[in-house]
Amino acid sequence: MSRLKGLLTIITGGAGEIGKTLARKALEEGACVVITGRDPGKLQAFQNELIALNDAFTGRINYVVMD
């Protein structure tokens, strides 16, 4: 599936359950994803979790700490 291939998706609340689900689905659909949140540890852990799940996500998932 590649409905979102080439698109950038920004997800606020990326460390929460809804944000995580949206990020995972967007990556599966081919998007590049930026997750945002307040806790850098949670964001980094989720980024690592996604990359461990699928090496193809490497370079397509990033995070930004925001308040």
Protein backbone atom coordinates (compact mmCIF):
# COMPACT_ATOMS: atom_id res chain seq x y z
CA MET A 1 0.00 0.00 0.00
CA SER A 2 1.30 3.44 -0.82
CA ARG A 3 -1.59 5.89 -0.72
CA LEU A 4 0.53 8.38 1.23
CA LYS A 5 3.86 7.79 -0.54
CA GLY A 6 5.84 11.01 -0.82
CA LEU A 7 3.71 12.89 1.70
CA LEU A 8 4.84 14.29 5.04
CA THR A 9 2.55 13.61 7.97
CA ILE A 10 2.91 15.56 11.22
CA ILE A 11 1.24 13.96 14.22
CA THR A 12 0.84 15.88 17.46
CA GLY A 13 0.66 13.80 20.61
CA GLY A 14 2.83 11.19 18.94
CA ALA A 15 3.65 9.40 22.19
CA GLY A 16 -0.02 8.78 23.03
CA GLU A 17 -2.01 5.77 21.89
CA ILE A 18 -3.97 7.58 19.17
CA GLY A 19 -0.82 9.29 17.88
CA LYS A 20 1.05 5.99 17.83
CA THR A 21 -1.71 4.31 15.87
CA LEU A 22 -1.86 7.15 13.34
CA ALA A 23 1.93 7.18 12.93
CA ARG A 24 2.09 3.43 12.38
CA LYS A 25 -0.69 3.51 9.79
CA ALA A 26 0.81 6.49 7.96
CA LEU A 27 4.18 4.75 7.76
CA GLU A 28 2.54 1.59 6.47
CA GLU A 29 0.87 3.69 3.77
CA GLY A 30 4.22 5.11 2.64
CA ALA A 31 4.31 8.53 4.34
CA CYS A 32 7.24 10.17 6.05
CA VAL A 33 6.17 10.92 9.61
CA VAL A 34 7.11 13.48 12.23
CA ILE A 35 5.69 12.81 15.68
CA THR A 36 5.61 15.59 18.23
CA GLY A 37 5.19 15.57 21.98
CA ARG A 38 6.56 16.85 25.27
CA ASP A 39 8.52 13.82 26.47
CA PRO A 40 11.68 13.19 24.43
CA GLY A 41 12.19 9.80 26.06
CA LYS A 42 8.78 8.52 24.99
CA LEU A 43 9.17 9.90 21.47
CA GLN A 44 12.62 8.33 21.05
CA ALA A 45 11.38 5.01 22.42
CA PHE A 46 8.46 4.97 19.99
CA GLN A 47 10.73 5.89 17.07
CA ASN A 48 13.02 2.99 18.00
CA GLU A 49 10.03 0.66 18.37
CA LEU A 50 8.81 1.50 14.86
CA ILE A 51 12.24 1.02 13.29
CA ALA A 52 12.62 -2.32 15.09
CA LEU A 53 9.22 -3.32 13.73
CA ASN A 54 10.18 -2.55 10.12
CA ASP A 55 13.62 -1.49 8.85
CA ALA A 56 11.91 0.26 5.91
CA PHE A 57 10.74 2.92 8.40
CA THR A 58 14.35 4.02 9.01
CA GLY A 59 14.73 7.60 7.82
CA ARG A 60 10.96 8.02 7.46
CA ILE A 61 10.12 8.55 11.15
CA ASN A 62 11.43 11.50 13.15
CA TYR A 63 10.33 13.33 16.26
CA VAL A 64 10.29 16.92 17.51
CA VAL A 65 9.87 17.88 21.16
CA MET A 66 7.25 20.60 21.58
CA ASP A 67 5.30 22.02 24.46
